[in-house]
């Protein structure tokens, strides 16, 4: 017989969680429906949330980079437009 302390699950990190009323029952039902333990259900839900959060952060980084590039392009276009308007203005003024 293997001593209780030698089970692999006993070697893993543990974290105590206090659930609001009714949440334990909801987790138990979801775990039963998915054929998992309550612990496995909680770990799977946390993994999903962490992955989703990571994907959102990656998308935010990409969107910020794109916004910066667009701002740079906008500034360049405004500078070019100002230059063009000055040239038009100088051409429209009568020569002396």
Protein backbone atom coordinates (compact mmCIF):
# COMPACT_ATOMS: atom_id res chain seq x y z
CA UNK A 1 0.00 0.00 0.00
CA UNK A 2 1.26 3.51 -0.92
CA UNK A 3 1.47 5.98 1.99
CA UNK A 4 -1.04 8.86 1.66
CA UNK A 5 1.71 11.49 1.41
CA UNK A 6 3.21 9.79 -1.65
CA UNK A 7 0.20 10.26 -3.94
CA UNK A 8 1.10 12.63 -6.80
CA UNK A 9 -1.87 14.90 -6.05
CA UNK A 10 -0.53 15.46 -2.53
CA UNK A 11 2.70 16.82 -4.03
CA UNK A 12 0.93 19.53 -6.11
CA UNK A 13 0.27 23.12 -5.05
CA UNK A 14 -2.94 23.56 -3.11
CA UNK A 15 -5.10 26.63 -2.71
CA UNK A 16 -8.17 27.02 -0.52
CA UNK A 17 -11.10 28.82 -2.12
CA UNK A 18 -14.23 30.14 -0.43
CA UNK A 19 -17.20 29.93 -2.79
CA UNK A 20 -20.26 32.16 -2.61
CA UNK A 21 -23.53 30.43 -1.76
CA UNK A 22 -24.62 28.03 -4.47
CA UNK A 23 -21.38 28.05 -6.47
CA UNK A 24 -20.16 24.72 -5.08
CA UNK A 25 -23.37 23.08 -6.28
CA UNK A 26 -22.97 24.66 -9.71
CA UNK A 27 -19.38 23.43 -9.97
CA UNK A 28 -20.44 19.96 -8.83
CA UNK A 29 -23.18 19.86 -11.48
CA UNK A 30 -20.82 21.08 -14.24
CA UNK A 31 -18.18 18.55 -13.17
CA UNK A 32 -20.70 15.72 -13.17
CA UNK A 33 -21.98 16.74 -16.59
CA UNK A 34 -18.42 16.86 -17.97
CA UNK A 35 -17.37 13.63 -16.29
CA UNK A 36 -14.70 15.32 -14.20
CA UNK A 37 -13.94 15.87 -10.56
CA UNK A 38 -14.81 19.23 -9.06
CA UNK A 39 -11.11 20.01 -8.87
CA UNK A 40 -10.58 19.15 -12.56
CA UNK A 41 -13.59 21.29 -13.46
CA UNK A 42 -12.19 24.27 -11.52
CA UNK A 43 -8.73 23.84 -13.06
CA UNK A 44 -10.24 23.60 -16.58
CA UNK A 45 -12.33 26.75 -15.98
CA UNK A 46 -9.26 28.64 -14.72
CA UNK A 47 -7.18 27.45 -17.70
CA UNK A 48 -9.90 28.65 -20.10
CA UNK A 49 -10.06 32.03 -18.36
CA UNK A 50 -6.28 32.44 -18.30
CA UNK A 51 -5.96 31.51 -21.98
CA UNK A 52 -8.76 33.90 -22.93
CA UNK A 53 -7.14 36.66 -20.89
CA UNK A 54 -3.77 35.99 -22.53
CA UNK A 55 -5.32 36.13 -26.01
CA UNK A 56 -7.02 39.44 -25.17
CA UNK A 57 -3.73 40.91 -23.95
CA UNK A 58 -2.04 39.82 -27.17
CA UNK A 59 -4.82 41.40 -29.23
CA UNK A 60 -4.54 44.62 -27.21
CA UNK A 61 -0.80 44.78 -27.90
CA UNK A 62 -1.45 44.32 -31.64
CA UNK A 63 -4.23 46.93 -31.66
CA UNK A 64 -2.06 49.46 -29.79
CA UNK A 65 0.77 48.90 -32.29
CA UNK A 66 -1.62 49.34 -35.23
CA UNK A 67 -3.10 52.49 -33.68
CA UNK A 68 0.40 53.92 -33.28
CA UNK A 69 1.21 53.18 -36.92
CA UNK A 70 -2.05 54.79 -38.04
CA UNK A 71 -1.33 57.88 -35.92
CA UNK A 72 2.10 58.18 -37.55
CA UNK A 73 0.54 57.85 -41.02
CA UNK A 74 -2.11 60.45 -40.11
CA UNK A 75 0.61 62.90 -39.05
CA UNK A 76 2.54 62.32 -42.27
CA UNK A 77 -0.62 62.87 -44.34
CA UNK A 78 -1.45 66.07 -42.45
CA UNK A 79 2.09 67.35 -43.09
CA UNK A 80 1.80 66.51 -46.82
CA UNK A 81 -1.64 68.16 -47.01
CA UNK A 82 -0.27 71.31 -45.38
CA UNK A 83 2.60 71.35 -47.88
CA UNK A 84 0.21 70.91 -50.83
CA UNK A 85 -2.11 73.67 -49.58
CA UNK A 86 0.86 76.06 -49.22
CA UNK A 87 1.97 75.28 -52.78
CA UNK A 88 -1.57 75.85 -54.09
CA UNK A 89 -1.76 79.11 -52.17
CA UNK A 90 1.58 80.29 -53.57
CA UNK A 91 0.51 79.41 -57.14
CA UNK A 92 -2.80 81.23 -56.80
CA UNK A 93 -1.19 84.48 -55.62
CA UNK A 94 -0.60 86.85 -58.48
CA UNK A 95 3.02 87.41 -59.44
CA UNK A 96 4.38 90.91 -59.01
